[in-house]
C-alpha atoms as a PDB file:
ATOM      1  CA  MET A   1      34.344 -25.761  46.475  1.00  0.00           C
ATOM      2  CA  PRO A   2      35.065 -25.008  50.150  1.00  0.00           C
ATOM      3  CA  ALA A   3      34.451 -27.841  52.606  1.00  0.00           C
ATOM      4  CA  SER A   4      31.547 -26.029  54.285  1.00  0.00           C
ATOM      5  CA  SER A   5      29.800 -25.479  50.924  1.00  0.00           C
ATOM      6  CA  THR A   6      30.241 -29.129  49.997  1.00  0.00           C
ATOM      7  CA  ARG A   7      28.794 -30.179  53.357  1.00  0.00           C
ATOM      8  CA  GLU A   8      25.829 -27.793  52.922  1.00  0.00           C
ATOM      9  CA  ALA A   9      25.176 -29.117  49.429  1.00  0.00           C
ATOM     10  CA  ARG A  10      25.164 -32.704  50.754  1.00  0.00           C
ATOM     11  CA  LEU A  11      22.816 -31.718  53.579  1.00  0.00           C
ATOM     12  CA  SER A  12      20.462 -29.990  51.138  1.00  0.00           C
ATOM     13  CA  ALA A  13      20.442 -33.023  48.860  1.00  0.00           C
ATOM     14  CA  THR A  14      19.766 -35.285  51.848  1.00  0.00           C
ATOM     15  CA  ARG A  15      16.906 -33.077  53.036  1.00  0.00           C
ATOM     16  CA  CYS A  16      15.419 -32.990  49.543  1.00  0.00           C
ATOM     17  CA  THR A  17      15.605 -36.792  49.204  1.00  0.00           C
ATOM     18  CA  HIS A  18      14.172 -37.271  52.701  1.00  0.00           C
ATOM     19  CA  ASN A  19      11.297 -34.867  52.019  1.00  0.00           C
ATOM     20  CA  THR A  20      10.502 -36.595  48.726  1.00  0.00           C
ATOM     21  CA  ARG A  21      10.422 -40.001  50.424  1.00  0.00           C
ATOM     22  CA  ARG A  22       8.282 -38.603  53.221  1.00  0.00           C
ATOM     23  CA  THR A  23       5.857 -37.047  50.711  1.00  0.00           C
ATOM     24  CA  ASP A  24       5.650 -40.316  48.759  1.00  0.00           C
ATOM     25  CA  ARG A  25       4.995 -42.235  51.983  1.00  0.00           C
ATOM     26  CA  HIS A  26       2.197 -39.846  52.961  1.00  0.00           C
ATOM     27  CA  ALA A  27       0.678 -40.151  49.484  1.00  0.00           C
ATOM     28  CA  ASP A  28       0.762 -43.951  49.810  1.00  0.00           C
ATOM     29  CA  ASP A  29      -0.833 -43.743  53.277  1.00  0.00           C
ATOM     30  CA  LEU A  30      -3.586 -41.482  51.944  1.00  0.00           C
ATOM     31  CA  GLY A  31      -4.163 -43.643  48.892  1.00  0.00           C
ATOM     32  CA  ALA A  32      -4.685 -46.710  51.082  1.00  0.00           C
ATOM     33  CA  GLN A  33      -7.397 -44.842  53.010  1.00  0.00           C
ATOM     34  CA  VAL A  34      -9.432 -43.618  50.042  1.00  0.00           C
ATOM     35  CA  GLU A  35     -11.227 -46.790  48.937  1.00  0.00           C
ATOM     36  CA  PRO A  36     -12.311 -47.837  52.471  1.00  0.00           C
ATOM     37  CA  LEU A  37     -13.615 -44.297  52.999  1.00  0.00           C
ATOM     38  CA  LEU A  38     -15.569 -44.410  49.732  1.00  0.00           C
ATOM     39  CA  ASP A  39     -16.965 -47.818  50.731  1.00  0.00           C
ATOM     40  CA  ALA A  40     -18.114 -46.376  54.073  1.00  0.00           C
ATOM     41  CA  ILE A  41     -19.802 -43.434  52.329  1.00  0.00           C
ATOM     42  CA  ARG A  42     -21.602 -45.774  49.923  1.00  0.00           C
ATOM     43  CA  ALA A  43     -22.656 -48.068  52.776  1.00  0.00           C
ATOM     44  CA  SER A  44     -24.098 -45.112  54.693  1.00  0.00           C
ATOM     45  CA  GLY A  45     -26.357 -44.265  51.763  1.00  0.00           C
ATOM     46  CA  TRP A  46     -24.897 -40.775  51.349  1.00  0.00           C
ATOM     47  CA  PRO A  47     -24.711 -39.461  47.793  1.00  0.00           C
ATOM     48  CA  LEU A  48     -21.204 -39.634  46.382  1.00  0.00           C
ATOM     49  CA  LEU A  49     -20.025 -37.442  43.521  1.00  0.00           C
ATOM     50  CA  GLN A  50     -16.701 -38.146  41.845  1.00  0.00           C
ATOM     51  CA  ILE A  51     -15.558 -36.408  38.673  1.00  0.00           C
ATOM     52  CA  GLU A  52     -12.397 -37.737  37.081  1.00  0.00           C
ATOM     53  CA  GLY A  53      -9.714 -35.081  36.563  1.00  0.00           C
ATOM     54  CA  VAL A  54     -11.503 -32.390  38.587  1.00  0.00           C
ATOM     55  CA  GLU A  55     -10.306 -31.266  42.005  1.00  0.00           C
ATOM     56  CA  ALA A  56     -12.718 -31.754  44.882  1.00  0.00           C
ATOM     57  CA  ASP A  57     -12.625 -28.083  45.922  1.00  0.00           C
ATOM     58  CA  ASP A  58     -13.793 -27.073  42.435  1.00  0.00           C
ATOM     59  CA  VAL A  59     -16.716 -29.503  42.618  1.00  0.00           C
ATOM     60  CA  ILE A  60     -17.600 -28.348  46.143  1.00  0.00           C
ATOM     61  CA  GLY A  61     -17.460 -24.679  45.101  1.00  0.00           C
ATOM     62  CA  THR A  62     -19.671 -25.319  42.070  1.00  0.00           C
ATOM     63  CA  LEU A  63     -22.240 -27.208  44.123  1.00  0.00           C
ATOM     64  CA  ALA A  64     -22.217 -24.462  46.780  1.00  0.00           C
ATOM     65  CA  ARG A  65     -22.820 -21.767  44.160  1.00  0.00           C
ATOM     66  CA  GLU A  66     -25.695 -23.770  42.667  1.00  0.00           C
ATOM     67  CA  ALA A  67     -27.208 -24.249  46.128  1.00  0.00           C
ATOM     68  CA  GLU A  68     -27.024 -20.519  46.854  1.00  0.00           C
ATOM     69  CA  LYS A  69     -28.616 -19.695  43.480  1.00  0.00           C
ATOM     70  CA  ARG A  70     -31.546 -21.843  44.600  1.00  0.00           C
ATOM     71  CA  GLY A  71     -31.810 -19.922  47.857  1.00  0.00           C
ATOM     72  CA  LEU A  72     -30.223 -22.594  50.016  1.00  0.00           C
ATOM     73  CA  ARG A  73     -27.788 -21.678  52.769  1.00  0.00           C
ATOM     74  CA  CYS A  74     -24.445 -23.365  52.208  1.00  0.00           C
ATOM     75  CA  VAL A  75     -21.514 -23.727  54.595  1.00  0.00           C
ATOM     76  CA  ILE A  76     -18.185 -25.219  53.569  1.00  0.00           C
ATOM     77  CA  SER A  77     -15.915 -26.231  56.432  1.00  0.00           C
ATOM     78  CA  THR A  78     -12.401 -27.158  55.364  1.00  0.00           C
ATOM     79  CA  GLY A  79      -8.776 -26.628  56.238  1.00  0.00           C
ATOM     80  CA  ASP A  80      -7.864 -26.559  52.541  1.00  0.00           C
ATOM     81  CA  LYS A  81      -6.648 -23.009  51.861  1.00  0.00           C
ATOM     82  CA  ASP A  82      -7.036 -23.508  48.110  1.00  0.00           C
ATOM     83  CA  SER A  83     -10.784 -24.028  48.526  1.00  0.00           C
ATOM     84  CA  ARG A  84     -11.182 -20.333  49.329  1.00  0.00           C
ATOM     85  CA  ASN A  85     -10.699 -19.661  45.627  1.00  0.00           C
ATOM     86  CA  SER A  86     -13.862 -21.559  44.747  1.00  0.00           C
ATOM     87  CA  SER A  87     -16.152 -20.816  47.682  1.00  0.00           C
ATOM     88  CA  PRO A  88     -19.320 -18.827  46.971  1.00  0.00           C
ATOM     89  CA  THR A  89     -18.300 -15.895  49.173  1.00  0.00           C
ATOM     90  CA  ALA A  90     -14.752 -15.656  47.797  1.00  0.00           C
END
């Protein structure tokens, strides 16, 4: 293998390892924030719906569709591009 190819392969492997560590770190950071957030929601008296094994955007989309069926206006504001698949107007 030419020297430049070997160097590129090492760089790619390093980037991959770095990205994996960075992703794991972000997941850990997010995980540490979840329970305090849920505690704050409970303390505020807001209803909290959690369904094990179901993605939040699917639950939100289902609730939005049900609201619209009942004649309620529903707005979903999110930066999650995947949620567009489950929004009532999609």
